[in-house]
Amino acid sequence: MLIEMALAAAAAATSGEISDDCTWNGIELHGDVQIVESFADIDVEIVTSFPDLEVKVVESFPDDCGEWKFVENFPDFTVRFVESFGDIEIKYVTSFPGLP
């Protein structure tokens, strides 16, 4: 029981903690992103409401918070999409990406 409580507290402490400078655990949340199946930098859950970050997929110059360009090689960070218990929750948008 004590172990379960500690794990739940640890998960709650790391989930969704995006800094005001648009970083999560020191990872800037913009740039070239590669989708992987394992050993990702960030586990991401896609939601439709109350996201931690609003993401706009772009084809070039992903320089602003929440702008992601999906690539196959040389990513700035990697993500793994999960159904639950992601490190952060995102919502795809077509305009005004960043912190909600």
PDB file of N, CA and C in Angstrom:
ATOM      1  N   MET A   1       0.823  -1.198   0.000  1.00  0.00           N
ATOM      2  CA  MET A   1       0.000   0.000   0.000  1.00  0.00           C
ATOM      3  C   MET A   1       0.865   1.260   0.000  1.00  0.00           C
ATOM      4  N   LEU A   2       1.901   1.254   0.791  1.00  0.00           N
ATOM      5  CA  LEU A   2       2.788   2.405   0.866  1.00  0.00           C
ATOM      6  C   LEU A   2       3.508   2.626  -0.466  1.00  0.00           C
ATOM      7  N   ILE A   3       3.918   1.544  -1.100  1.00  0.00           N
ATOM      8  CA  ILE A   3       4.601   1.649  -2.389  1.00  0.00           C
ATOM      9  C   ILE A   3       3.650   2.230  -3.440  1.00  0.00           C
ATOM     10  N   GLU A   4       2.393   1.775  -3.443  1.00  0.00           N
ATOM     11  CA  GLU A   4       1.413   2.285  -4.399  1.00  0.00           C
ATOM     12  C   GLU A   4       1.186   3.779  -4.208  1.00  0.00           C
ATOM     13  N   MET A   5       1.120   4.219  -2.959  1.00  0.00           N
ATOM     14  CA  MET A   5       0.932   5.646  -2.685  1.00  0.00           C
ATOM     15  C   MET A   5       2.144   6.446  -3.170  1.00  0.00           C
ATOM     16  N   ALA A   6       3.335   5.916  -2.967  1.00  0.00           N
ATOM     17  CA  ALA A   6       4.548   6.611  -3.401  1.00  0.00           C
ATOM     18  C   ALA A   6       4.600   6.706  -4.921  1.00  0.00           C
ATOM     19  N   LEU A   7       4.235   5.626  -5.612  1.00  0.00           N
ATOM     20  CA  LEU A   7       4.221   5.650  -7.078  1.00  0.00           C
ATOM     21  C   LEU A   7       3.187   6.641  -7.604  1.00  0.00           C
ATOM     22  N   ALA A   8       2.022   6.675  -6.989  1.00  0.00           N
ATOM     23  CA  ALA A   8       0.979   7.614  -7.413  1.00  0.00           C
ATOM     24  C   ALA A   8       1.424   9.060  -7.193  1.00  0.00           C
ATOM     25  N   ALA A   9       2.081   9.316  -6.080  1.00  0.00           N
ATOM     26  CA  ALA A   9       2.574  10.663  -5.794  1.00  0.00           C
ATOM     27  C   ALA A   9       3.666  11.062  -6.779  1.00  0.00           C
ATOM     28  N   ALA A  10       4.540  10.127  -7.119  1.00  0.00           N
ATOM     29  CA  ALA A  10       5.602  10.419  -8.085  1.00  0.00           C
ATOM     30  C   ALA A  10       5.023  10.701  -9.456  1.00  0.00           C
ATOM     31  N   ALA A  11       4.028   9.939  -9.860  1.00  0.00           N
ATOM     32  CA  ALA A  11       3.389  10.158 -11.166  1.00  0.00           C
ATOM     33  C   ALA A  11       2.697  11.510 -11.197  1.00  0.00           C
ATOM     34  N   ALA A  12       2.027  11.871 -10.128  1.00  0.00           N
ATOM     35  CA  ALA A  12       1.340  13.159 -10.070  1.00  0.00           C
ATOM     36  C   ALA A  12       2.334  14.311 -10.068  1.00  0.00           C
ATOM     37  N   ALA A  13       3.475  14.109  -9.459  1.00  0.00           N
ATOM     38  CA  ALA A  13       4.469  15.172  -9.372  1.00  0.00           C
ATOM     39  C   ALA A  13       5.109  15.473 -10.713  1.00  0.00           C
ATOM     40  N   THR A  14       5.257  14.453 -11.590  1.00  0.00           N
ATOM     41  CA  THR A  14       5.911  14.681 -12.864  1.00  0.00           C
ATOM     42  C   THR A  14       4.933  14.953 -13.990  1.00  0.00           C
ATOM     43  N   SER A  15       3.693  14.559 -13.838  1.00  0.00           N
ATOM     44  CA  SER A  15       2.726  14.690 -14.922  1.00  0.00           C
ATOM     45  C   SER A  15       2.324  16.143 -15.134  1.00  0.00           C
ATOM     46  N   GLY A  16       2.487  16.616 -16.367  1.00  0.00           N
ATOM     47  CA  GLY A  16       1.966  17.913 -16.743  1.00  0.00           C
ATOM     48  C   GLY A  16       2.708  19.116 -16.211  1.00  0.00           C
ATOM     49  N   GLU A  17       3.883  18.933 -15.682  1.00  0.00           N
ATOM     50  CA  GLU A  17       4.609  20.073 -15.132  1.00  0.00           C
ATOM     51  C   GLU A  17       5.448  20.733 -16.211  1.00  0.00           C
ATOM     52  N   ILE A  18       4.799  21.574 -16.994  1.00  0.00           N
ATOM     53  CA  ILE A  18       5.497  22.323 -18.030  1.00  0.00           C
ATOM     54  C   ILE A  18       5.815  23.703 -17.462  1.00  0.00           C
ATOM     55  N   SER A  19       7.077  24.078 -17.558  1.00  0.00           N
ATOM     56  CA  SER A  19       7.519  25.363 -17.018  1.00  0.00           C
ATOM     57  C   SER A  19       7.005  26.515 -17.859  1.00  0.00           C
ATOM     58  N   ASP A  20       7.012  27.698 -17.279  1.00  0.00           N
ATOM     59  CA  ASP A  20       6.582  28.899 -17.987  1.00  0.00           C
ATOM     60  C   ASP A  20       7.444  29.195 -19.211  1.00  0.00           C
ATOM     61  N   ASP A  21       8.675  28.669 -19.232  1.00  0.00           N
ATOM     62  CA  ASP A  21       9.541  28.866 -20.400  1.00  0.00           C
ATOM     63  C   ASP A  21       9.351  27.776 -21.444  1.00  0.00           C
ATOM     64  N   CYS A  22       8.252  27.020 -21.337  1.00  0.00           N
ATOM     65  CA  CYS A  22       7.862  25.985 -22.301  1.00  0.00           C
ATOM     66  C   CYS A  22       8.870  24.840 -22.361  1.00  0.00           C
ATOM     67  N   THR A  23       9.287  24.388 -21.178  1.00  0.00           N
ATOM     68  CA  THR A  23      10.143  23.213 -21.100  1.00  0.00           C
ATOM     69  C   THR A  23       9.528  22.193 -20.166  1.00  0.00           C
ATOM     70  N   TRP A  24       9.889  20.944 -20.379  1.00  0.00           N
ATOM     71  CA  TRP A  24       9.494  19.858 -19.481  1.00  0.00           C
ATOM     72  C   TRP A  24      10.754  19.069 -19.193  1.00  0.00           C
ATOM     73  N   ASN A  25      11.140  19.023 -17.935  1.00  0.00           N
ATOM     74  CA  ASN A  25      12.379  18.352 -17.519  1.00  0.00           C
ATOM     75  C   ASN A  25      13.581  18.814 -18.345  1.00  0.00           C
ATOM     76  N   GLY A  26      13.626  20.095 -18.652  1.00  0.00           N
ATOM     77  CA  GLY A  26      14.744  20.660 -19.392  1.00  0.00           C
ATOM     78  C   GLY A  26      14.640  20.515 -20.902  1.00  0.00           C
ATOM     79  N   ILE A  27      13.583  19.887 -21.399  1.00  0.00           N
ATOM     80  CA  ILE A  27      13.392  19.709 -22.837  1.00  0.00           C
ATOM     81  C   ILE A  27      12.510  20.835 -23.361  1.00  0.00           C
ATOM     82  N   GLU A  28      13.026  21.592 -24.318  1.00  0.00           N
ATOM     83  CA  GLU A  28      12.227  22.657 -24.929  1.00  0.00           C
ATOM     84  C   GLU A  28      11.133  22.019 -25.782  1.00  0.00           C
ATOM     85  N   LEU A  29       9.900  22.430 -25.581  1.00  0.00           N
ATOM     86  CA  LEU A  29       8.758  21.790 -26.224  1.00  0.00           C
ATOM     87  C   LEU A  29       8.401  22.433 -27.557  1.00  0.00           C
ATOM     88  N   HIS A  30       9.417  22.578 -28.384  1.00  0.00           N
ATOM     89  CA  HIS A  30       9.258  22.995 -29.778  1.00  0.00           C
ATOM     90  C   HIS A  30      10.431  22.417 -30.542  1.00  0.00           C
ATOM     91  N   GLY A  31      10.252  22.272 -31.836  1.00  0.00           N
ATOM     92  CA  GLY A  31      11.360  21.788 -32.644  1.00  0.00           C
ATOM     93  C   GLY A  31      11.032  20.522 -33.394  1.00  0.00           C
ATOM     94  N   ASP A  32      12.095  19.827 -33.805  1.00  0.00           N
ATOM     95  CA  ASP A  32      11.965  18.590 -34.564  1.00  0.00           C
ATOM     96  C   ASP A  32      11.680  17.434 -33.608  1.00  0.00           C
ATOM     97  N   VAL A  33      10.595  16.716 -33.885  1.00  0.00           N
ATOM     98  CA  VAL A  33      10.114  15.663 -32.988  1.00  0.00           C
ATOM     99  C   VAL A  33      10.056  14.349 -33.744  1.00  0.00           C
ATOM    100  N   GLN A  34      10.588  13.304 -33.124  1.00  0.00           N
ATOM    101  CA  GLN A  34      10.507  11.975 -33.709  1.00  0.00           C
ATOM    102  C   GLN A  34       9.615  11.100 -32.835  1.00  0.00           C
ATOM    103  N   ILE A  35       8.716  10.355 -33.475  1.00  0.00           N
ATOM    104  CA  ILE A  35       7.854   9.424 -32.768  1.00  0.00           C
ATOM    105  C   ILE A  35       8.580   8.087 -32.667  1.00  0.00           C
ATOM    106  N   VAL A  36       8.650   7.558 -31.452  1.00  0.00           N
ATOM    107  CA  VAL A  36       9.312   6.271 -31.218  1.00  0.00           C
ATOM    108  C   VAL A  36       8.385   5.352 -30.433  1.00  0.00           C
ATOM    109  N   GLU A  37       8.704   4.078 -30.428  1.00  0.00           N
ATOM    110  CA  GLU A  37       7.895   3.096 -29.710  1.00  0.00           C
ATOM    111  C   GLU A  37       8.411   2.830 -28.296  1.00  0.00           C
ATOM    112  N   SER A  38       9.672   3.121 -28.052  1.00  0.00           N
ATOM    113  CA  SER A  38      10.237   2.895 -26.726  1.00  0.00           C
ATOM    114  C   SER A  38      11.379   3.867 -26.469  1.00  0.00           C
ATOM    115  N   PHE A  39      11.699   4.026 -25.208  1.00  0.00           N
ATOM    116  CA  PHE A  39      12.792   4.887 -24.757  1.00  0.00           C
ATOM    117  C   PHE A  39      12.631   6.339 -25.236  1.00  0.00           C
ATOM    118  N   ALA A  40      11.425   6.831 -25.179  1.00  0.00           N
ATOM    119  CA  ALA A  40      11.153   8.217 -25.584  1.00  0.00           C
ATOM    120  C   ALA A  40      11.597   9.183 -24.493  1.00  0.00           C
ATOM    121  N   ASP A  41      11.876  10.404 -24.920  1.00  0.00           N
ATOM    122  CA  ASP A  41      12.166  11.464 -23.956  1.00  0.00           C
ATOM    123  C   ASP A  41      10.909  11.833 -23.175  1.00  0.00           C
ATOM    124  N   ILE A  42       9.741  11.818 -23.878  1.00  0.00           N
ATOM    125  CA  ILE A  42       8.482  12.218 -23.255  1.00  0.00           C
ATOM    126  C   ILE A  42       7.376  11.260 -23.700  1.00  0.00           C
ATOM    127  N   ASP A  43       6.600  10.768 -22.745  1.00  0.00           N
ATOM    128  CA  ASP A  43       5.375  10.030 -23.049  1.00  0.00           C
ATOM    129  C   ASP A  43       4.248  11.047 -23.157  1.00  0.00           C
ATOM    130  N   VAL A  44       3.547  11.032 -24.289  1.00  0.00           N
ATOM    131  CA  VAL A  44       2.548  12.049 -24.595  1.00  0.00           C
ATOM    132  C   VAL A  44       1.175  11.413 -24.720  1.00  0.00           C
ATOM    133  N   GLU A  45       0.210  12.028 -24.059  1.00  0.00           N
ATOM    134  CA  GLU A  45      -1.186  11.615 -24.176  1.00  0.00           C
ATOM    135  C   GLU A  45      -1.935  12.721 -24.922  1.00  0.00           C
ATOM    136  N   ILE A  46      -2.700  12.331 -25.940  1.00  0.00           N
ATOM    137  CA  ILE A  46      -3.483  13.294 -26.704  1.00  0.00           C
ATOM    138  C   ILE A  46      -4.861  13.420 -26.062  1.00  0.00           C
ATOM    139  N   VAL A  47      -5.274  14.651 -25.778  1.00  0.00           N
ATOM    140  CA  VAL A  47      -6.569  14.911 -25.158  1.00  0.00           C
ATOM    141  C   VAL A  47      -7.326  15.943 -25.987  1.00  0.00           C
ATOM    142  N   THR A  48      -8.613  16.083 -25.697  1.00  0.00           N
ATOM    143  CA  THR A  48      -9.420  17.075 -26.406  1.00  0.00           C
ATOM    144  C   THR A  48      -9.741  18.288 -25.545  1.00  0.00           C
ATOM    145  N   SER A  49      -9.491  18.188 -24.256  1.00  0.00           N
ATOM    146  CA  SER A  49      -9.730  19.334 -23.383  1.00  0.00           C
ATOM    147  C   SER A  49      -8.717  19.348 -22.240  1.00  0.00           C
ATOM    148  N   PHE A  50      -8.465  20.525 -21.736  1.00  0.00           N
ATOM    149  CA  PHE A  50      -7.551  20.770 -20.611  1.00  0.00           C
ATOM    150  C   PHE A  50      -6.162  20.174 -20.830  1.00  0.00           C
ATOM    151  N   PRO A  51      -5.513  20.517 -21.949  1.00  0.00           N
ATOM    152  CA  PRO A  51      -4.159  20.002 -22.187  1.00  0.00           C
ATOM    153  C   PRO A  51      -3.120  20.772 -21.383  1.00  0.00           C
ATOM    154  N   ASP A  52      -1.962  20.169 -21.257  1.00  0.00           N
ATOM    155  CA  ASP A  52      -0.819  20.862 -20.683  1.00  0.00           C
ATOM    156  C   ASP A  52      -0.157  21.747 -21.730  1.00  0.00           C
ATOM    157  N   LEU A  53      -0.278  21.336 -23.008  1.00  0.00           N
ATOM    158  CA  LEU A  53       0.355  22.053 -24.110  1.00  0.00           C
ATOM    159  C   LEU A  53      -0.511  21.922 -25.354  1.00  0.00           C
ATOM    160  N   GLU A  54      -0.673  23.040 -26.070  1.00  0.00           N
ATOM    161  CA  GLU A  54      -1.373  23.010 -27.347  1.00  0.00           C
ATOM    162  C   GLU A  54      -0.320  22.977 -28.448  1.00  0.00           C
ATOM    163  N   VAL A  55      -0.429  21.967 -29.328  1.00  0.00           N
ATOM    164  CA  VAL A  55       0.603  21.699 -30.328  1.00  0.00           C
ATOM    165  C   VAL A  55       0.079  21.973 -31.733  1.00  0.00           C
ATOM    166  N   LYS A  56       0.874  22.715 -32.492  1.00  0.00           N
ATOM    167  CA  LYS A  56       0.590  22.938 -33.907  1.00  0.00           C
ATOM    168  C   LYS A  56       1.686  22.241 -34.703  1.00  0.00           C
ATOM    169  N   VAL A  57       1.282  21.347 -35.607  1.00  0.00           N
ATOM    170  CA  VAL A  57       2.242  20.667 -36.455  1.00  0.00           C
ATOM    171  C   VAL A  57       2.583  21.596 -37.615  1.00  0.00           C
ATOM    172  N   VAL A  58       3.883  21.842 -37.807  1.00  0.00           N
ATOM    173  CA  VAL A  58       4.341  22.739 -38.867  1.00  0.00           C
ATOM    174  C   VAL A  58       5.295  21.992 -39.792  1.00  0.00           C
ATOM    175  N   GLU A  59       5.473  22.533 -40.984  1.00  0.00           N
ATOM    176  CA  GLU A  59       6.369  21.936 -41.972  1.00  0.00           C
ATOM    177  C   GLU A  59       7.775  22.532 -41.922  1.00  0.00           C
ATOM    178  N   SER A  60       7.885  23.729 -41.349  1.00  0.00           N
ATOM    179  CA  SER A  60       9.201  24.361 -41.262  1.00  0.00           C
ATOM    180  C   SER A  60       9.246  25.342 -40.096  1.00  0.00           C
ATOM    181  N   PHE A  61      10.435  25.599 -39.652  1.00  0.00           N
ATOM    182  CA  PHE A  61      10.711  26.578 -38.599  1.00  0.00           C
ATOM    183  C   PHE A  61       9.860  26.394 -37.338  1.00  0.00           C
ATOM    184  N   PRO A  62      10.004  25.266 -36.648  1.00  0.00           N
ATOM    185  CA  PRO A  62       9.276  25.065 -35.387  1.00  0.00           C
ATOM    186  C   PRO A  62       9.987  25.767 -34.230  1.00  0.00           C
ATOM    187  N   ASP A  63       9.932  27.091 -34.252  1.00  0.00           N
ATOM    188  CA  ASP A  63      10.723  27.888 -33.320  1.00  0.00           C
ATOM    189  C   ASP A  63       9.983  28.354 -32.079  1.00  0.00           C
ATOM    190  N   ASP A  64       8.657  28.305 -32.102  1.00  0.00           N
ATOM    191  CA  ASP A  64       7.883  28.826 -30.985  1.00  0.00           C
ATOM    192  C   ASP A  64       7.300  27.697 -30.147  1.00  0.00           C
ATOM    193  N   CYS A  65       6.973  28.006 -28.933  1.00  0.00           N
ATOM    194  CA  CYS A  65       6.415  27.039 -27.983  1.00  0.00           C
ATOM    195  C   CYS A  65       5.226  26.301 -28.615  1.00  0.00           C
ATOM    196  N   GLY A  66       5.276  24.967 -28.580  1.00  0.00           N
ATOM    197  CA  GLY A  66       4.175  24.161 -29.082  1.00  0.00           C
ATOM    198  C   GLY A  66       4.197  23.896 -30.567  1.00  0.00           C
ATOM    199  N   GLU A  67       5.174  24.410 -31.289  1.00  0.00           N
ATOM    200  CA  GLU A  67       5.289  24.121 -32.712  1.00  0.00           C
ATOM    201  C   GLU A  67       6.185  22.895 -32.880  1.00  0.00           C
ATOM    202  N   TRP A  68       5.627  21.840 -33.468  1.00  0.00           N
ATOM    203  CA  TRP A  68       6.349  20.584 -33.656  1.00  0.00           C
ATOM    204  C   TRP A  68       6.430  20.258 -35.125  1.00  0.00           C
ATOM    205  N   LYS A  69       7.605  19.869 -35.574  1.00  0.00           N
ATOM    206  CA  LYS A  69       7.814  19.343 -36.919  1.00  0.00           C
ATOM    207  C   LYS A  69       8.234  17.892 -36.754  1.00  0.00           C
ATOM    208  N   PHE A  70       7.431  16.973 -37.290  1.00  0.00           N
ATOM    209  CA  PHE A  70       7.741  15.552 -37.155  1.00  0.00           C
ATOM    210  C   PHE A  70       8.798  15.153 -38.175  1.00  0.00           C
ATOM    211  N   VAL A  71       9.839  14.486 -37.694  1.00  0.00           N
ATOM    212  CA  VAL A  71      10.971  14.077 -38.514  1.00  0.00           C
ATOM    213  C   VAL A  71      11.297  12.610 -38.260  1.00  0.00           C
ATOM    214  N   GLU A  72      12.060  12.036 -39.176  1.00  0.00           N
ATOM    215  CA  GLU A  72      12.515  10.640 -39.039  1.00  0.00           C
ATOM    216  C   GLU A  72      13.932  10.561 -38.472  1.00  0.00           C
ATOM    217  N   ASN A  73      14.704  11.627 -38.635  1.00  0.00           N
ATOM    218  CA  ASN A  73      16.104  11.627 -38.202  1.00  0.00           C
ATOM    219  C   ASN A  73      16.459  12.932 -37.502  1.00  0.00           C
ATOM    220  N   PHE A  74      17.431  12.838 -36.627  1.00  0.00           N
ATOM    221  CA  PHE A  74      18.007  13.998 -35.943  1.00  0.00           C
ATOM    222  C   PHE A  74      16.975  14.871 -35.234  1.00  0.00           C
ATOM    223  N   PRO A  75      16.184  14.276 -34.332  1.00  0.00           N
ATOM    224  CA  PRO A  75      15.173  15.067 -33.613  1.00  0.00           C
ATOM    225  C   PRO A  75      15.793  15.890 -32.490  1.00  0.00           C
ATOM    226  N   ASP A  76      15.059  16.928 -32.103  1.00  0.00           N
ATOM    227  CA  ASP A  76      15.419  17.665 -30.896  1.00  0.00           C
ATOM    228  C   ASP A  76      14.998  16.877 -29.659  1.00  0.00           C
ATOM    229  N   PHE A  77      13.882  16.145 -29.773  1.00  0.00           N
ATOM    230  CA  PHE A  77      13.440  15.233 -28.719  1.00  0.00           C
ATOM    231  C   PHE A  77      12.518  14.181 -29.328  1.00  0.00           C
ATOM    232  N   THR A  78      12.298  13.101 -28.572  1.00  0.00           N
ATOM    233  CA  THR A  78      11.453  12.003 -29.046  1.00  0.00           C
ATOM    234  C   THR A  78      10.220  11.896 -28.165  1.00  0.00           C
ATOM    235  N   VAL A  79       9.129  11.422 -28.779  1.00  0.00           N
ATOM    236  CA  VAL A  79       7.885  11.217 -28.041  1.00  0.00           C
ATOM    237  C   VAL A  79       7.352   9.825 -28.314  1.00  0.00           C
ATOM    238  N   ARG A  80       6.642   9.302 -27.337  1.00  0.00           N
ATOM    239  CA  ARG A  80       5.889   8.063 -27.486  1.00  0.00           C
ATOM    240  C   ARG A  80       4.462   8.397 -27.107  1.00  0.00           C
ATOM    241  N   PHE A  81       3.528   8.086 -27.987  1.00  0.00           N
ATOM    242  CA  PHE A  81       2.128   8.353 -27.696  1.00  0.00           C
ATOM    243  C   PHE A  81       1.551   7.210 -26.880  1.00  0.00           C
ATOM    244  N   VAL A  82       0.887   7.571 -25.768  1.00  0.00           N
ATOM    245  CA  VAL A  82       0.305   6.588 -24.856  1.00  0.00           C
ATOM    246  C   VAL A  82      -1.171   6.914 -24.657  1.00  0.00           C
ATOM    247  N   GLU A  83      -1.924   5.926 -24.239  1.00  0.00           N
ATOM    248  CA  GLU A  83      -3.357   6.095 -23.999  1.00  0.00           C
ATOM    249  C   GLU A  83      -3.657   6.724 -22.642  1.00  0.00           C
ATOM    250  N   SER A  84      -2.774   6.514 -21.685  1.00  0.00           N
ATOM    251  CA  SER A  84      -2.987   7.064 -20.343  1.00  0.00           C
ATOM    252  C   SER A  84      -1.650   7.201 -19.626  1.00  0.00           C
ATOM    253  N   PHE A  85      -1.654   8.002 -18.586  1.00  0.00           N
ATOM    254  CA  PHE A  85      -0.485   8.227 -17.735  1.00  0.00           C
ATOM    255  C   PHE A  85       0.712   8.769 -18.507  1.00  0.00           C
ATOM    256  N   GLY A  86       0.461   9.682 -19.434  1.00  0.00           N
ATOM    257  CA  GLY A  86       1.556  10.330 -20.142  1.00  0.00           C
ATOM    258  C   GLY A  86       2.257  11.333 -19.247  1.00  0.00           C
ATOM    259  N   ASP A  87       3.466  11.682 -19.639  1.00  0.00           N
ATOM    260  CA  ASP A  87       4.192  12.722 -18.907  1.00  0.00           C
ATOM    261  C   ASP A  87       3.512  14.072 -19.092  1.00  0.00           C
ATOM    262  N   ILE A  88       3.054  14.323 -20.332  1.00  0.00           N
ATOM    263  CA  ILE A  88       2.306  15.549 -20.617  1.00  0.00           C
ATOM    264  C   ILE A  88       1.102  15.199 -21.471  1.00  0.00           C
ATOM    265  N   GLU A  89       0.106  16.069 -21.428  1.00  0.00           N
ATOM    266  CA  GLU A  89      -1.086  15.920 -22.258  1.00  0.00           C
ATOM    267  C   GLU A  89      -1.092  17.054 -23.273  1.00  0.00           C
ATOM    268  N   ILE A  90      -1.315  16.685 -24.551  1.00  0.00           N
ATOM    269  CA  ILE A  90      -1.334  17.704 -25.597  1.00  0.00           C
ATOM    270  C   ILE A  90      -2.675  17.696 -26.314  1.00  0.00           C
ATOM    271  N   LYS A  91      -2.949  18.815 -26.942  1.00  0.00           N
ATOM    272  CA  LYS A  91      -4.108  18.947 -27.823  1.00  0.00           C
ATOM    273  C   LYS A  91      -3.593  19.572 -29.109  1.00  0.00           C
ATOM    274  N   TYR A  92      -3.952  18.961 -30.248  1.00  0.00           N
ATOM    275  CA  TYR A  92      -3.558  19.538 -31.528  1.00  0.00           C
ATOM    276  C   TYR A  92      -4.436  20.744 -31.848  1.00  0.00           C
ATOM    277  N   VAL A  93      -3.801  21.810 -32.324  1.00  0.00           N
ATOM    278  CA  VAL A  93      -4.503  23.029 -32.714  1.00  0.00           C
ATOM    279  C   VAL A  93      -3.992  23.474 -34.082  1.00  0.00           C
ATOM    280  N   THR A  94      -4.770  24.324 -34.744  1.00  0.00           N
ATOM    281  CA  THR A  94      -4.344  24.865 -36.023  1.00  0.00           C
ATOM    282  C   THR A  94      -3.805  26.284 -35.910  1.00  0.00           C
ATOM    283  N   SER A  95      -4.007  26.884 -34.748  1.00  0.00           N
ATOM    284  CA  SER A  95      -3.455  28.225 -34.514  1.00  0.00           C
ATOM    285  C   SER A  95      -3.219  28.415 -33.012  1.00  0.00           C
ATOM    286  N   PHE A  96      -2.384  29.363 -32.707  1.00  0.00           N
ATOM    287  CA  PHE A  96      -2.070  29.731 -31.322  1.00  0.00           C
ATOM    288  C   PHE A  96      -1.579  28.554 -30.467  1.00  0.00           C
ATOM    289  N   PRO A  97      -0.475  27.899 -30.884  1.00  0.00           N
ATOM    290  CA  PRO A  97       0.084  26.832 -30.062  1.00  0.00           C
ATOM    291  C   PRO A  97       0.759  27.398 -28.816  1.00  0.00           C
ATOM    292  N   GLY A  98       1.053  26.515 -27.880  1.00  0.00           N
ATOM    293  CA  GLY A  98       1.785  26.912 -26.680  1.00  0.00           C
ATOM    294  C   GLY A  98       1.041  26.534 -25.422  1.00  0.00           C
ATOM    295  N   LEU A  99       1.343  27.239 -24.374  1.00  0.00           N
ATOM    296  CA  LEU A  99       0.718  26.977 -23.080  1.00  0.00           C
ATOM    297  C   LEU A  99      -0.701  27.524 -23.087  1.00  0.00           C
ATOM    298  N   PRO A 100      -1.668  26.720 -22.653  1.00  0.00           N
ATOM    299  CA  PRO A 100      -3.061  27.188 -22.648  1.00  0.00           C
ATOM    300  C   PRO A 100      -3.305  28.273 -21.607  1.00  0.00           C
TER     301      PRO A 100
END
